Protein backbone atom coordinates (compact mmCIF):
# COMPACT_ATOMS: atom_id res chain seq x y z
CA MET A 1 0.21 -0.04 -0.45
CA LYS A 2 2.57 2.37 1.22
CA SER A 3 5.24 1.80 -2.18
CA ARG A 4 1.21 2.16 -4.22
CA LEU A 5 0.73 5.55 -2.98
CA ILE A 6 4.79 6.72 -2.93
CA ALA A 7 4.37 5.60 -6.99
CA PHE A 8 1.22 7.49 -7.05
CA ALA A 9 2.94 10.28 -5.83
CA ALA A 10 5.55 10.32 -8.38
CA LEU A 11 3.28 9.73 -10.97
CA LEU A 12 1.81 13.37 -10.09
CA ILE A 13 4.90 14.84 -9.50
CA GLY A 14 6.63 13.98 -12.94
CA ALA A 15 3.16 15.28 -14.79
CA ILE A 16 3.67 18.69 -13.03
CA SER A 17 7.14 18.89 -14.18
CA VAL A 18 7.11 17.95 -17.29
CA ILE A 19 4.98 20.34 -18.21
CA SER A 20 6.98 23.79 -17.59
CA CYS A 21 6.45 26.52 -20.32
CA ILE A 22 2.28 27.60 -20.59
CA ASP A 23 0.53 30.58 -20.12
CA PRO A 24 0.44 31.68 -16.64
CA ASP A 25 -3.27 31.30 -16.61
CA GLN A 26 -2.59 27.64 -17.34
CA THR A 27 -0.34 26.61 -15.00
CA GLN A 28 -0.39 23.29 -13.00
CA GLU A 29 -2.41 24.59 -10.05
CA VAL A 30 -4.86 27.02 -12.07
CA ILE A 31 -5.31 23.74 -14.34
CA LEU A 32 -5.78 21.77 -10.79
CA GLN A 33 -8.22 24.17 -8.78
CA ARG A 34 -10.45 24.64 -12.12
CA ASP A 35 -10.60 20.51 -12.17
CA ARG A 36 -11.36 19.75 -8.74
CA GLU A 37 -14.21 22.49 -9.04
CA ALA A 38 -15.11 20.84 -12.16
CA ILE A 39 -15.25 17.56 -10.87
CA GLU A 40 -17.18 18.71 -7.43
CA LYS A 41 -19.90 20.51 -9.02
CA TYR A 42 -20.30 17.16 -11.65
CA LEU A 43 -20.30 14.79 -8.75
CA GLN A 44 -23.14 17.15 -6.94
CA ASP A 45 -25.26 17.04 -10.08
CA ASN A 46 -24.52 13.18 -11.14
CA PRO A 47 -24.15 11.42 -7.34
CA ILE A 48 -22.65 7.76 -7.52
CA THR A 49 -24.27 4.95 -5.86
CA SER A 50 -21.11 2.83 -4.51
CA VAL A 51 -20.69 -0.13 -1.76
CA LYS A 52 -17.32 1.06 -0.79
CA GLU A 53 -15.38 4.50 -1.72
CA TYR A 54 -11.77 5.76 -2.28
CA SER A 55 -11.25 10.03 -2.58
CA GLU A 56 -8.08 11.90 -2.25
CA PRO A 57 -10.15 15.46 -2.77
CA ILE A 58 -6.69 17.62 -2.73
CA GLU A 59 -5.81 15.79 -6.08
CA GLY A 60 -9.26 15.65 -7.40
CA PHE A 61 -9.39 11.75 -7.26
CA TYR A 62 -12.71 9.88 -6.71
CA MET A 63 -13.75 6.43 -7.23
CA PHE A 64 -16.95 4.36 -6.34
CA TRP A 65 -16.94 0.48 -6.73
CA GLN A 66 -20.81 -0.61 -7.13
CA VAL A 67 -19.86 -3.98 -6.84
CA SER A 68 -16.87 -4.94 -4.28
CA VAL A 69 -16.15 -8.26 -3.84
CA LYS A 70 -13.17 -7.70 -1.23
CA PRO A 71 -13.17 -4.79 1.54
CA GLU A 72 -9.80 -4.26 0.89
CA ARG A 73 -7.98 -2.71 -2.09
CA ASN A 74 -5.74 -5.03 -4.50
CA ALA A 75 -2.47 -5.02 -4.97
CA LEU A 76 -1.48 -5.30 -8.78
CA LEU A 77 2.23 -4.93 -9.12
CA ARG A 78 3.95 -3.81 -12.74
CA GLY A 79 3.76 -6.93 -14.93
CA ASP A 80 0.21 -8.21 -13.97
CA THR A 81 -1.97 -8.30 -17.17
CA VAL A 82 -5.04 -6.93 -16.57
CA LYS A 83 -8.49 -7.64 -18.40
CA VAL A 84 -10.87 -4.60 -18.02
CA ASP A 85 -14.16 -3.68 -19.87
CA TYR A 86 -14.86 0.20 -19.57
CA THR A 87 -16.78 3.23 -20.56
CA GLY A 88 -14.79 6.89 -21.03
CA LYS A 89 -16.62 10.28 -20.82
CA THR A 90 -15.88 13.77 -20.17
CA LEU A 91 -17.28 15.75 -17.59
CA ASN A 92 -20.52 16.37 -19.70
CA ASN A 93 -21.54 12.70 -19.92
CA LYS A 94 -20.08 12.70 -23.54
CA ILE A 95 -19.01 9.08 -24.15
CA PHE A 96 -15.34 9.15 -26.35
CA ASP A 97 -14.45 5.36 -25.73
CA THR A 98 -15.54 2.42 -24.65
CA SER A 99 -14.93 -1.73 -24.92
CA LYS A 100 -18.53 -2.35 -25.70
CA GLU A 101 -19.98 -2.56 -29.09
CA GLN A 102 -23.88 -1.58 -27.77
CA VAL A 103 -22.25 1.35 -25.28
CA ALA A 104 -20.34 2.08 -28.84
CA LYS A 105 -23.83 2.21 -31.29
CA ASP A 106 -26.30 3.50 -28.64
CA ASN A 107 -23.85 6.81 -28.29
CA GLY A 108 -23.27 7.62 -31.82
CA ILE A 109 -19.20 6.49 -31.66
CA PHE A 110 -19.40 3.18 -33.47
CA ASN A 111 -16.73 2.11 -35.37
CA SER A 112 -17.27 -1.04 -37.70
CA ASN A 113 -13.62 -1.34 -38.05
CA ARG A 114 -13.00 -1.85 -34.84
CA VAL A 115 -13.17 -4.64 -32.41
CA TYR A 116 -15.18 -4.08 -29.64
CA GLN A 117 -13.26 -6.44 -26.40
CA PRO A 118 -12.42 -5.91 -23.09
CA LEU A 119 -8.71 -4.29 -23.01
CA ARG A 120 -6.09 -6.85 -21.87
CA TYR A 121 -2.62 -5.21 -20.91
CA PRO A 122 -0.01 -5.59 -18.66
CA ILE A 123 0.32 -3.00 -15.27
CA GLY A 124 2.71 -0.27 -15.50
CA ARG A 125 4.05 0.26 -19.01
CA GLY A 126 2.09 2.74 -20.42
CA PHE A 127 -0.38 1.45 -22.40
CA THR A 128 -3.26 3.63 -20.65
CA ILE A 129 -3.15 7.08 -18.57
CA THR A 130 -2.10 7.55 -15.04
CA GLY A 131 -5.86 7.92 -13.57
CA PHE A 132 -7.41 4.51 -15.84
CA GLU A 133 -4.27 2.64 -14.25
CA PHE A 134 -4.47 3.76 -10.72
CA ALA A 135 -7.85 2.96 -10.02
CA LEU A 136 -7.31 -0.65 -11.47
CA SER A 137 -4.63 -1.06 -9.44
CA MET A 138 -7.10 -0.78 -6.87
CA MET A 139 -10.01 -2.76 -8.18
CA HIS A 140 -10.22 -6.89 -7.47
CA PRO A 141 -11.13 -9.06 -10.71
CA GLY A 142 -15.23 -8.82 -10.53
CA GLU A 143 -15.25 -5.68 -9.26
CA LYS A 144 -17.28 -2.83 -11.14
CA ALA A 145 -16.31 0.89 -10.58
CA THR A 146 -16.77 4.52 -11.39
CA VAL A 147 -13.71 7.05 -10.75
CA VAL A 148 -13.41 10.55 -12.06
CA PHE A 149 -10.01 12.33 -11.88
CA PRO A 150 -8.32 15.52 -13.07
CA SER A 151 -6.98 16.49 -16.49
CA ARG A 152 -3.15 16.18 -15.54
CA LEU A 153 -4.16 12.13 -14.73
CA GLY A 154 -5.53 11.71 -18.03
CA TYR A 155 -4.51 13.61 -21.25
CA GLY A 156 -3.31 16.84 -19.32
CA THR A 157 -2.74 19.97 -21.91
CA GLN A 158 -3.03 17.82 -25.10
CA ALA A 159 -6.29 16.90 -26.89
CA SER A 160 -6.89 13.69 -27.57
CA GLY A 161 -9.40 12.93 -30.58
CA ASP A 162 -12.78 14.09 -28.90
CA ILE A 163 -10.87 15.07 -25.22
CA PRO A 164 -10.53 18.37 -25.20
CA ALA A 165 -7.24 19.57 -23.48
CA ASN A 166 -7.47 20.04 -19.38
CA SER A 167 -10.50 17.68 -19.60
CA PRO A 168 -11.10 15.49 -16.05
CA LEU A 169 -12.51 12.42 -16.84
CA VAL A 170 -14.61 9.96 -15.83
CA PHE A 171 -14.62 5.94 -16.50
CA GLU A 172 -16.56 2.91 -15.78
CA LEU A 173 -14.70 0.15 -15.21
CA ASP A 174 -15.27 -3.34 -14.94
CA LEU A 175 -12.15 -5.70 -14.03
CA LEU A 176 -12.80 -8.47 -15.37
CA GLU A 177 -9.27 -10.72 -14.82
CA VAL A 178 -6.28 -10.27 -13.70
CA LYS A 179 -2.98 -11.97 -14.47
CA LYS A 180 -0.12 -12.33 -12.16
CA GLY A 181 3.10 -11.46 -14.21
CA PRO A 182 6.79 -11.01 -13.13
CA ASN A 183 7.45 -8.75 -10.75
CA LEU A 184 9.01 -5.43 -12.33
CA ASN A 185 8.65 -3.27 -9.77
CA PRO A 186 11.99 -1.97 -8.28
């Protein structure tokens, strides 16, 4: 647990230090404050029912389990492979990506050239954004959760497809499977 928090803190510090030349109105502190305010408003306007919660309000990170199989958080390690169904959206509830074909069709983002299936990837290798991966690291197989996090744990100051720069994100996650891999932690 302690090493996960240290790793999370290191990721946050790294994300902050990567961006150094931006408009003073767009400093990381200003952006984070705007993100936190937007996230708080989102959570007030869109209450999320849950059986278990985790939050770091100073960082703007909130996680709500709709299904929990164990009271304690998981201990995924770098190199473990996860299989997860997901739906990602912005704070205006516009879905920008999903692993579920019907959700894509229902929300006008279906791509007939894409195979819709759960995402399978090894933790800690940079295949997904920080907030997504941090949330999964706290889940057990069989759990479903909704996570809301600030833009610096998502795509930061870079736009990505239909996601504007500096956009806090919401993900609905369904962790289907974890295969233990080689322990790649230093």
